[in-house]
N, C-alpha and C. Protein backbone atom coordinates (compact mmCIF):
# COMPACT_ATOMS: atom_id res chain seq x y z
N UNK A 1 -5.37 -12.92 0.95
CA UNK A 1 -4.44 -13.94 1.70
C UNK A 1 -3.58 -13.67 1.73
N UNK A 2 -2.28 -13.51 2.60
CA UNK A 2 -0.92 -13.46 2.74
C UNK A 2 -0.43 -14.70 3.28
N UNK A 3 0.37 -15.32 2.70
CA UNK A 3 1.15 -16.46 2.76
C UNK A 3 2.50 -16.11 3.10
N UNK A 4 3.19 -16.20 4.44
CA UNK A 4 5.03 -15.95 4.28
C UNK A 4 5.71 -17.19 4.23
N UNK A 5 6.55 -17.45 4.35
CA UNK A 5 7.30 -18.14 4.12
C UNK A 5 9.12 -17.61 4.51
N UNK A 6 9.58 -17.78 6.09
CA UNK A 6 10.65 -17.18 6.32
C UNK A 6 11.18 -17.72 7.17
N UNK A 7 12.37 -18.08 6.82
CA UNK A 7 13.13 -19.00 8.20
C UNK A 7 12.31 -19.93 8.63
N UNK A 8 11.70 -21.04 7.89
CA UNK A 8 11.49 -22.00 8.17
C UNK A 8 9.93 -21.84 8.49
N UNK A 9 9.38 -20.79 9.19
CA UNK A 9 7.87 -20.75 9.50
C UNK A 9 6.74 -20.49 8.20
N UNK A 10 6.09 -21.34 8.23
CA UNK A 10 4.78 -20.99 7.57
C UNK A 10 3.59 -20.09 8.19
N UNK A 11 3.73 -19.14 7.75
CA UNK A 11 2.58 -18.05 8.55
C UNK A 11 1.63 -18.12 7.26
N UNK A 12 0.24 -18.09 7.49
CA UNK A 12 -0.36 -17.48 7.04
C UNK A 12 -1.72 -16.64 7.29
N UNK A 13 -2.03 -15.07 6.53
CA UNK A 13 -2.87 -14.21 7.32
C UNK A 13 -4.00 -14.02 6.70
N UNK A 14 -5.01 -14.32 6.99
CA UNK A 14 -6.18 -14.72 6.10
C UNK A 14 -7.17 -13.92 6.89
N UNK A 15 -8.31 -13.79 6.02
CA UNK A 15 -9.65 -13.17 6.44
C UNK A 15 -10.34 -14.29 7.64
N UNK A 16 -11.21 -13.40 8.77
CA UNK A 16 -11.56 -13.95 9.77
C UNK A 16 -12.53 -14.94 9.09
N UNK A 17 -13.06 -16.25 9.37
CA UNK A 17 -14.21 -16.71 8.79
C UNK A 17 -15.09 -17.31 9.91
N UNK A 18 -16.53 -17.77 9.44
CA UNK A 18 -17.31 -18.02 10.55
C UNK A 18 -16.54 -19.71 11.28
N UNK A 19 -15.87 -20.22 10.89
CA UNK A 19 -14.98 -21.63 11.60
C UNK A 19 -14.20 -21.23 12.15
N UNK A 20 -13.50 -19.75 12.11
CA UNK A 20 -12.72 -19.66 13.57
C UNK A 20 -12.88 -19.01 14.82
N UNK A 21 -14.22 -19.23 14.79
CA UNK A 21 -14.86 -18.35 16.01
C UNK A 21 -15.48 -18.99 17.39
N UNK A 22 -14.52 -20.44 16.91
CA UNK A 22 -14.42 -21.03 18.66
C UNK A 22 -12.75 -20.92 18.72
N UNK A 23 -11.97 -20.55 18.03
CA UNK A 23 -10.90 -20.38 18.53
C UNK A 23 -10.92 -18.67 19.12
N UNK A 24 -11.60 -18.10 18.25
CA UNK A 24 -11.57 -16.59 18.85
C UNK A 24 -12.18 -16.44 20.17
N UNK A 25 -13.37 -17.22 20.34
CA UNK A 25 -13.91 -17.45 21.55
C UNK A 25 -13.09 -17.69 22.75
N UNK A 26 -12.53 -18.64 22.50
CA UNK A 26 -11.14 -19.05 23.62
C UNK A 26 -10.38 -17.64 24.04
N UNK A 27 -9.74 -17.23 23.16
CA UNK A 27 -8.97 -15.85 22.86
C UNK A 27 -9.70 -15.05 23.78
N UNK A 28 -10.43 -14.59 23.71
CA UNK A 28 -11.33 -13.66 24.03
C UNK A 28 -12.36 -13.52 25.80
N UNK A 29 -11.78 -14.97 26.02
CA UNK A 29 -12.23 -15.25 27.18
C UNK A 29 -11.17 -15.53 27.98
N UNK A 30 -9.56 -15.10 27.30
CA UNK A 30 -8.55 -15.30 28.27
C UNK A 30 -7.97 -14.17 29.50
N UNK A 31 -8.39 -13.84 30.64
CA UNK A 31 -8.23 -12.40 31.11
C UNK A 31 -6.66 -11.79 30.74
N UNK A 32 -5.85 -12.64 31.03
CA UNK A 32 -4.48 -12.07 30.62
C UNK A 32 -4.42 -11.60 29.30
N UNK A 33 -4.67 -12.18 28.13
CA UNK A 33 -5.00 -11.70 27.02
C UNK A 33 -5.81 -10.32 26.49
N UNK A 34 -7.17 -10.65 27.30
CA UNK A 34 -7.88 -9.62 27.32
C UNK A 34 -7.30 -8.08 27.79
N UNK A 35 -6.63 -8.24 29.08
CA UNK A 35 -6.60 -6.99 29.84
C UNK A 35 -5.44 -6.47 28.52
N UNK A 36 -4.69 -6.83 27.91
CA UNK A 36 -3.61 -6.02 26.85
C UNK A 36 -4.60 -5.40 25.64
N UNK A 37 -5.69 -5.87 25.74
CA UNK A 37 -6.89 -5.33 25.07
C UNK A 37 -7.44 -4.42 25.44
N UNK A 38 -7.61 -4.10 27.03
CA UNK A 38 -8.13 -3.31 27.83
C UNK A 38 -9.81 -3.86 27.52
N UNK A 39 -9.58 -4.72 27.53
CA UNK A 39 -11.44 -5.59 27.54
C UNK A 39 -11.82 -6.51 28.53
N UNK A 40 -12.98 -6.71 28.56
CA UNK A 40 -13.64 -7.79 29.75
C UNK A 40 -13.23 -9.17 28.94
N UNK A 41 -12.79 -10.08 29.68
CA UNK A 41 -12.58 -11.09 29.53
C UNK A 41 -13.96 -12.05 29.29
N UNK A 42 -14.69 -11.94 29.11
CA UNK A 42 -16.38 -12.31 29.15
C UNK A 42 -17.32 -12.14 28.02
N UNK A 43 -17.60 -13.09 27.13
CA UNK A 43 -17.88 -13.29 26.15
C UNK A 43 -18.55 -14.44 26.07
N UNK A 44 -20.27 -14.57 25.47
CA UNK A 44 -20.49 -16.01 25.35
C UNK A 44 -20.13 -16.27 23.63
N UNK A 45 -20.40 -17.65 23.54
CA UNK A 45 -20.29 -18.10 22.24
C UNK A 45 -21.27 -17.28 21.35
N UNK A 46 -22.55 -17.23 21.85
CA UNK A 46 -24.06 -16.93 21.04
C UNK A 46 -23.66 -15.42 20.58
N UNK A 47 -22.97 -14.42 21.70
CA UNK A 47 -22.98 -12.88 21.32
C UNK A 47 -21.56 -12.94 20.30
N UNK A 48 -20.42 -13.88 20.51
CA UNK A 48 -19.47 -14.21 19.49
C UNK A 48 -20.10 -13.82 18.16
N UNK A 49 -20.97 -14.90 17.61
CA UNK A 49 -21.60 -15.46 16.47
C UNK A 49 -22.87 -14.68 16.14
N UNK A 50 -23.01 -13.24 17.27
CA UNK A 50 -24.09 -12.67 16.61
C UNK A 50 -23.43 -11.13 15.97
N UNK A 51 -22.38 -10.95 16.92
CA UNK A 51 -21.48 -10.12 16.57
C UNK A 51 -20.48 -10.46 14.66
N UNK A 52 -20.64 -11.66 14.70
CA UNK A 52 -19.77 -11.53 13.60
C UNK A 52 -20.74 -11.65 12.63
N UNK A 53 -21.95 -12.29 12.59
CA UNK A 53 -23.28 -12.23 11.87
C UNK A 53 -23.46 -10.50 11.47
N UNK A 54 -23.67 -9.61 12.38
CA UNK A 54 -23.85 -8.14 12.24
C UNK A 54 -22.72 -7.74 11.63
N UNK A 55 -21.55 -7.60 11.99
CA UNK A 55 -19.99 -7.20 11.22
C UNK A 55 -19.89 -7.89 10.00
N UNK A 56 -20.08 -8.98 9.79
CA UNK A 56 -19.52 -9.47 8.41
C UNK A 56 -19.70 -8.64 7.38
N UNK A 57 -20.53 -7.56 6.68
CA UNK A 57 -20.23 -6.94 5.54
C UNK A 57 -19.63 -5.01 6.27
N UNK A 58 -19.56 -4.97 7.74
CA UNK A 58 -19.27 -4.01 8.12
C UNK A 58 -17.44 -3.43 7.27
N UNK A 59 -17.94 -2.40 6.68
CA UNK A 59 -16.69 -1.65 5.98
C UNK A 59 -15.95 -1.07 6.98
N UNK A 60 -15.99 -0.86 8.05
CA UNK A 60 -15.53 -0.57 9.38
C UNK A 60 -14.33 -1.05 9.84
N UNK A 61 -14.24 -2.54 9.32
CA UNK A 61 -13.34 -3.56 10.15
C UNK A 61 -12.60 -4.19 9.33
N UNK A 62 -11.71 -4.84 9.61
CA UNK A 62 -11.07 -5.95 8.84
C UNK A 62 -10.25 -6.90 9.74
N UNK A 63 -11.00 -8.38 9.73
CA UNK A 63 -10.28 -9.02 11.15
C UNK A 63 -9.61 -10.47 10.40
N UNK A 64 -8.74 -10.36 10.42
CA UNK A 64 -7.34 -11.42 9.41
C UNK A 64 -7.24 -12.59 11.04
N UNK A 65 -7.25 -13.94 10.33
CA UNK A 65 -6.70 -14.59 11.82
C UNK A 65 -5.34 -15.03 11.18
N UNK A 66 -4.22 -15.27 11.99
CA UNK A 66 -2.94 -15.69 12.15
C UNK A 66 -3.11 -17.25 12.18
N UNK A 67 -2.46 -17.51 11.66
CA UNK A 67 -1.99 -19.31 11.45
C UNK A 67 -0.35 -19.58 11.09
N UNK A 68 -0.26 -20.58 11.73
CA UNK A 68 1.55 -20.97 11.74
C UNK A 68 1.21 -22.44 11.48
N UNK A 69 1.60 -22.85 10.67
CA UNK A 69 1.82 -24.43 10.20
C UNK A 69 -0.05 -24.95 10.32
N UNK A 70 -1.30 -24.12 9.68
CA UNK A 70 -2.33 -24.63 9.64
C UNK A 70 -2.75 -24.59 10.97
N UNK A 71 -1.94 -24.04 12.34
CA UNK A 71 -3.12 -23.84 13.16
C UNK A 71 -2.93 -22.33 13.91
N UNK A 72 -4.55 -21.99 14.26
CA UNK A 72 -4.97 -21.09 14.62
C UNK A 72 -3.80 -20.32 15.75
N UNK A 73 -3.08 -19.43 15.34
CA UNK A 73 -2.03 -18.55 16.52
C UNK A 73 -2.59 -17.57 17.16
N UNK A 74 -3.56 -16.63 16.48
CA UNK A 74 -4.11 -15.45 16.80
C UNK A 74 -4.75 -14.66 16.07
N UNK A 75 -4.91 -13.23 16.24
CA UNK A 75 -5.84 -12.47 15.37
C UNK A 75 -4.86 -11.11 15.34
N UNK A 76 -5.08 -10.63 13.94
CA UNK A 76 -4.67 -9.02 13.81
C UNK A 76 -5.98 -8.39 13.20
N UNK A 77 -6.47 -7.00 13.51
CA UNK A 77 -7.46 -6.53 13.14
C UNK A 77 -7.35 -4.98 12.75
N UNK A 78 -8.15 -4.59 11.84
CA UNK A 78 -8.11 -3.09 11.78
C UNK A 78 -9.49 -2.65 12.01
N UNK A 79 -9.65 -2.01 12.75
CA UNK A 79 -10.76 -1.66 13.32
C UNK A 79 -11.17 0.13 13.26
N UNK A 80 -12.51 0.52 13.68
CA UNK A 80 -12.76 1.73 13.51
C UNK A 80 -11.81 2.65 11.90
N UNK A 81 -12.07 2.08 10.99
CA UNK A 81 -11.89 2.45 9.72
C UNK A 81 -12.74 3.55 9.33
N UNK A 82 -11.76 4.83 9.85
CA UNK A 82 -12.59 5.99 9.01
C UNK A 82 -12.23 6.55 7.59
N UNK A 83 -13.06 6.33 6.80
CA UNK A 83 -12.81 7.14 5.25
C UNK A 83 -12.51 8.28 4.84
N UNK A 84 -12.93 8.98 5.76
CA UNK A 84 -12.87 10.64 5.78
C UNK A 84 -11.07 11.10 6.37
N UNK A 85 -10.74 11.19 7.54
CA UNK A 85 -9.54 11.18 7.64
C UNK A 85 -8.51 9.94 7.06
N UNK A 86 -8.95 9.34 6.88
CA UNK A 86 -8.45 7.61 6.36
C UNK A 86 -7.60 7.24 7.43
N UNK A 87 -8.18 7.08 8.71
CA UNK A 87 -7.18 6.14 9.80
C UNK A 87 -8.36 5.20 10.49
N UNK A 88 -7.22 4.16 11.01
CA UNK A 88 -8.13 3.35 11.69
C UNK A 88 -7.27 2.62 12.40
N UNK A 89 -7.63 1.73 13.47
CA UNK A 89 -6.85 1.22 14.60
C UNK A 89 -6.46 0.19 14.58
N UNK A 90 -4.99 -0.40 14.74
CA UNK A 90 -4.48 -2.27 14.50
C UNK A 90 -4.86 -2.63 15.87
N UNK A 91 -4.94 -3.75 15.77
CA UNK A 91 -4.71 -4.52 17.28
C UNK A 91 -4.37 -5.87 16.73
N UNK A 92 -3.42 -6.49 17.76
CA UNK A 92 -3.11 -7.76 17.41
C UNK A 92 -2.74 -8.83 18.93
N UNK A 93 -3.35 -9.92 18.82
CA UNK A 93 -3.37 -11.13 19.92
C UNK A 93 -2.30 -11.87 19.53
N UNK A 94 -1.45 -12.93 20.02
CA UNK A 94 -1.32 -14.03 19.41
C UNK A 94 -0.96 -14.96 20.42
N UNK A 95 -1.51 -16.04 20.45
CA UNK A 95 -1.88 -16.95 21.71
C UNK A 95 -0.23 -17.49 22.31
N UNK A 96 -0.25 -17.53 23.37
CA UNK A 96 0.94 -17.42 24.44
C UNK A 96 1.71 -18.46 23.90
N UNK A 97 1.45 -19.59 23.14
CA UNK A 97 2.09 -20.78 23.08
C UNK A 97 3.05 -20.81 21.56
N UNK A 98 2.52 -19.12 21.23
CA UNK A 98 3.15 -18.58 19.71
C UNK A 98 4.19 -17.82 19.62
N UNK A 99 4.09 -17.29 21.23
CA UNK A 99 4.68 -15.75 21.05
C UNK A 99 6.37 -16.14 21.26
N UNK A 100 7.37 -14.93 20.60
CA UNK A 100 8.81 -15.14 20.56
C UNK A 100 8.90 -15.63 19.55
N UNK A 101 7.72 -15.85 18.69
CA UNK A 101 8.39 -16.12 17.05
C UNK A 101 8.25 -15.14 16.01
N UNK A 102 8.04 -13.76 16.26
CA UNK A 102 7.98 -12.68 15.95
C UNK A 102 6.74 -12.63 14.82
N UNK A 103 5.45 -13.61 15.37
CA UNK A 103 4.58 -13.86 14.76
C UNK A 103 3.42 -12.71 14.51
N UNK A 104 3.43 -11.53 15.75
CA UNK A 104 2.97 -10.75 16.00
C UNK A 104 3.50 -9.36 15.04
N UNK A 105 4.69 -9.45 15.09
CA UNK A 105 5.30 -8.55 13.84
C UNK A 105 5.07 -8.68 12.69
N UNK A 106 4.94 -10.19 12.19
CA UNK A 106 4.83 -10.37 11.01
C UNK A 106 3.29 -9.95 10.19
N UNK A 107 2.57 -10.53 11.50
CA UNK A 107 1.16 -10.14 11.15
C UNK A 107 0.58 -8.77 10.97
N UNK A 108 1.21 -7.85 12.28
CA UNK A 108 0.97 -6.65 12.30
C UNK A 108 1.40 -6.23 10.56
N UNK A 109 2.70 -6.30 10.51
CA UNK A 109 3.10 -5.69 8.95
C UNK A 109 2.18 -6.00 7.54
N UNK A 110 1.95 -7.23 7.35
CA UNK A 110 1.21 -7.94 6.76
C UNK A 110 -0.38 -6.54 6.54
N UNK A 111 -0.97 -7.00 8.18
CA UNK A 111 -2.34 -5.89 8.16
C UNK A 111 -1.61 -4.50 7.92
N UNK A 112 -0.83 -4.00 7.73
CA UNK A 112 -0.30 -2.38 7.87
C UNK A 112 -0.47 -2.30 6.23
N UNK A 113 0.25 -3.76 5.90
CA UNK A 113 0.30 -3.19 4.21
C UNK A 113 -1.30 -3.10 3.49
N UNK A 114 -2.09 -3.97 4.12
CA UNK A 114 -3.34 -4.04 3.40
C UNK A 114 -4.10 -2.72 3.76
N UNK A 115 -3.72 -2.20 5.45
CA UNK A 115 -4.31 -1.05 5.57
C UNK A 115 -3.59 0.00 4.26
N UNK A 116 -2.31 0.28 4.37
CA UNK A 116 -2.19 1.46 3.45
C UNK A 116 -2.19 1.00 1.79
N UNK A 117 -1.78 0.01 1.43
CA UNK A 117 -1.80 -0.09 -0.15
C UNK A 117 -3.18 -0.71 -0.45
N UNK A 118 -4.06 -1.23 0.01
CA UNK A 118 -5.62 -1.76 -0.09
C UNK A 118 -6.62 -0.39 0.40
N UNK A 119 -6.22 -0.51 1.49
CA UNK A 119 -7.47 0.55 1.59
C UNK A 119 -7.25 2.01 1.89
N UNK A 120 -5.83 2.28 1.12
CA UNK A 120 -5.68 3.62 1.04
C UNK A 120 -5.43 4.63 2.51
N UNK A 121 -5.43 3.73 3.84
CA UNK A 121 -5.28 4.75 4.96
C UNK A 121 -4.32 5.83 4.77
N UNK A 122 -4.30 6.90 5.40
CA UNK A 122 -3.39 7.54 5.79
C UNK A 122 -2.47 7.35 6.70
N UNK A 123 -2.97 6.74 8.08
CA UNK A 123 -2.83 6.58 9.38
C UNK A 123 -3.32 5.55 9.99
N UNK A 124 -2.42 4.91 10.91
CA UNK A 124 -2.92 3.83 11.33
C UNK A 124 -2.52 3.77 13.00
N UNK A 125 -3.24 3.54 14.14
CA UNK A 125 -2.99 3.80 15.44
C UNK A 125 -3.25 2.34 16.12
N UNK A 126 -2.56 2.95 17.41
CA UNK A 126 -2.98 1.75 18.31
C UNK A 126 -2.77 2.35 19.74
N UNK A 127 -3.13 1.60 20.70
CA UNK A 127 -2.92 2.04 22.50
C UNK A 127 -2.54 0.82 22.83
N UNK A 128 -1.02 0.97 23.57
CA UNK A 128 -0.79 0.30 24.30
C UNK A 128 -0.48 0.26 25.96
N UNK A 129 -0.59 -0.30 26.64
CA UNK A 129 -0.25 -0.64 28.21
C UNK A 129 1.36 -0.08 28.17
N UNK A 130 1.62 1.06 29.12
CA UNK A 130 2.91 1.77 29.01
C UNK A 130 3.90 0.32 29.75
N UNK A 131 3.69 -0.38 30.23
CA UNK A 131 4.40 -1.37 30.99
C UNK A 131 4.37 -2.56 30.17
N UNK A 132 3.84 -2.59 29.11
CA UNK A 132 4.07 -3.97 27.68
C UNK A 132 5.27 -3.62 27.02
N UNK A 133 6.16 -3.72 27.63
CA UNK A 133 7.41 -3.34 26.77
C UNK A 133 7.81 -3.85 25.34
N UNK A 134 7.50 -5.53 25.84
CA UNK A 134 7.67 -6.11 24.53
C UNK A 134 7.12 -5.95 22.99
N UNK A 135 5.72 -5.61 23.57
CA UNK A 135 4.65 -4.99 22.81
C UNK A 135 5.29 -3.44 21.82
N UNK A 136 5.42 -2.78 22.77
CA UNK A 136 6.19 -1.49 22.75
C UNK A 136 7.59 -1.61 21.38
N UNK A 137 7.95 -2.30 21.88
CA UNK A 137 9.40 -2.82 21.08
C UNK A 137 9.36 -3.21 19.81
N UNK A 138 8.10 -3.83 19.76
CA UNK A 138 7.67 -4.61 18.26
C UNK A 138 7.12 -3.21 17.55
N UNK A 139 6.30 -2.63 18.36
CA UNK A 139 5.65 -1.29 17.53
C UNK A 139 6.64 -0.63 16.73
N UNK A 140 7.92 -0.21 17.78
CA UNK A 140 8.92 0.84 17.87
C UNK A 140 9.58 -0.09 15.95
N UNK A 141 9.92 -1.03 15.90
CA UNK A 141 10.72 -2.00 14.85
C UNK A 141 9.65 -1.57 13.68
N UNK A 142 8.09 -1.65 13.77
CA UNK A 142 7.47 -1.62 12.30
C UNK A 142 7.37 0.13 11.95
N UNK A 143 7.84 0.77 12.97
CA UNK A 143 7.94 2.53 12.58
C UNK A 143 6.47 3.35 13.53
N UNK A 144 6.02 2.31 14.06
CA UNK A 144 5.30 3.24 15.27
C UNK A 144 5.69 4.47 16.05
N UNK A 145 5.31 5.57 16.32
CA UNK A 145 5.86 6.27 16.80
C UNK A 145 4.94 7.06 17.93
N UNK A 146 5.47 7.15 19.17
CA UNK A 146 4.74 7.07 20.50
C UNK A 146 4.46 8.72 19.99
N UNK A 147 3.03 9.16 20.20
CA UNK A 147 2.29 10.13 20.02
C UNK A 147 1.93 10.90 20.91
N UNK A 148 1.60 9.77 22.36
CA UNK A 148 1.10 10.88 23.54
C UNK A 148 1.06 9.81 24.89
N UNK A 149 1.26 10.01 25.82
CA UNK A 149 0.49 9.04 26.85
C UNK A 149 -0.72 9.38 27.68
N UNK A 150 -1.70 8.35 27.75
CA UNK A 150 -2.78 8.67 28.07
C UNK A 150 -2.86 8.24 29.94
N UNK A 151 -3.08 9.00 30.65
CA UNK A 151 -3.13 9.07 32.25
C UNK A 151 -4.77 8.08 32.26
N UNK A 152 -4.30 6.94 32.98
CA UNK A 152 -5.46 6.24 33.52
C UNK A 152 -6.66 6.15 32.20
N UNK A 153 -6.16 5.68 31.51
CA UNK A 153 -7.40 5.53 30.41
C UNK A 153 -8.16 4.40 29.89
N UNK A 154 -7.77 2.99 30.74
CA UNK A 154 -8.47 1.57 30.71
C UNK A 154 -8.33 1.10 32.14
N UNK A 155 -9.34 0.45 32.05
CA UNK A 155 -9.46 -0.33 33.49
C UNK A 155 -9.13 -1.81 33.03
N UNK A 156 -8.02 -2.59 33.79
CA UNK A 156 -7.54 -3.63 34.11
C UNK A 156 -6.71 -4.50 34.55
N UNK A 157 -6.66 -5.42 35.01
CA UNK A 157 -6.26 -6.31 36.06
C UNK A 157 -6.27 -5.34 37.78
N UNK A 158 -7.28 -5.00 37.96
CA UNK A 158 -8.24 -4.44 39.36
C UNK A 158 -7.26 -2.58 39.01
N UNK A 159 -6.76 -2.28 38.28
CA UNK A 159 -6.42 -0.63 38.20
C UNK A 159 -6.45 -0.04 36.80
N UNK A 160 -6.74 1.40 36.88
CA UNK A 160 -6.49 1.98 35.87
C UNK A 160 -4.97 2.31 35.43
N UNK A 161 -5.07 2.09 33.83
CA UNK A 161 -3.72 1.73 33.17
C UNK A 161 -3.56 3.03 32.53
N UNK A 162 -2.18 3.64 32.45
CA UNK A 162 -2.00 4.03 31.41
C UNK A 162 -1.41 3.96 30.04
N UNK A 163 -1.72 4.17 29.23
CA UNK A 163 -1.27 3.85 27.90
C UNK A 163 -0.60 4.58 26.74
N UNK A 164 0.06 4.21 25.98
CA UNK A 164 0.98 4.82 24.90
C UNK A 164 -0.24 5.05 23.90
N UNK A 165 -0.32 6.12 23.46
CA UNK A 165 -1.08 6.17 22.05
C UNK A 165 0.12 6.46 20.66
N UNK A 166 0.29 5.64 19.46
CA UNK A 166 1.32 5.68 18.78
C UNK A 166 0.58 5.21 17.53
N UNK A 167 0.95 5.83 16.72
CA UNK A 167 0.85 5.87 14.99
C UNK A 167 1.84 5.42 14.24
N UNK A 168 1.63 5.01 13.04
CA UNK A 168 2.07 5.46 11.91
C UNK A 168 1.73 5.94 10.75
N UNK A 169 1.97 6.89 9.50
CA UNK A 169 1.78 7.51 8.56
C UNK A 169 2.36 6.96 7.35
N UNK A 170 1.18 6.71 6.14
CA UNK A 170 1.39 5.93 5.35
C UNK A 170 2.88 6.27 4.62
N UNK A 171 3.25 7.22 4.18
CA UNK A 171 4.58 7.68 3.44
C UNK A 171 5.50 7.55 4.54
N UNK A 172 5.83 7.36 5.66
CA UNK A 172 6.51 6.75 6.82
C UNK A 172 6.74 5.04 6.23
N UNK A 173 5.56 4.49 6.76
CA UNK A 173 5.70 3.12 6.48
C UNK A 173 6.49 2.78 4.72
N UNK A 174 5.68 3.41 3.73
CA UNK A 174 6.48 3.54 2.61
C UNK A 174 7.97 3.15 2.36
N UNK A 175 8.46 4.71 3.01
CA UNK A 175 9.77 4.78 3.21
C UNK A 175 10.41 3.46 3.83
N UNK A 176 10.14 3.55 5.04
CA UNK A 176 10.90 2.36 5.87
C UNK A 176 10.93 1.08 4.63
N UNK A 177 9.95 0.67 4.43
CA UNK A 177 9.90 -0.83 3.20
C UNK A 177 10.82 -0.54 2.18
N UNK A 178 10.93 0.35 1.35
CA UNK A 178 12.19 1.07 0.62
C UNK A 178 13.65 0.89 1.02
N UNK A 179 13.68 1.10 2.31
CA UNK A 179 15.16 0.84 2.99
C UNK A 179 15.66 -0.40 3.25
N UNK A 180 14.48 -1.33 3.29
CA UNK A 180 15.15 -2.71 3.53
C UNK A 180 15.46 -3.51 2.51
């Protein structure tokens, strides 16, 4: 559990709990939000609860809730954790009413610290729609590097979408933290 207090913002990053499923269910059924994750905005609560039960002890994922002033603001996840090459994917969603407050950036920074300092990952990567300029800006600020463009990789909003594959290496993340 990480609690950040900066600039009057009371931000908490904590593990996902069963009590959060109602909020997560709402997020996972928003079409605009799920388009950023290139996923279908359809999931029943029963399915989500079943997935939660199935993955509660899964060592290949870590899911965290983002709270601001005690209110659910989104999720940040480390998924597809592979302990051989020491890599994982990171994903973040911040509810629209909380956007513009740098919550995604702060939550991702906390999740990256967890990935590199706790899980000893070597590399964390992500996929982002090439037209999602605000997200790309945040990822670059965190130190992610563009590694390639994947043509028509995902289907969202009625068309195939190009996406960038971006990654950050542990030694680059640590170097950047030392210079701040």
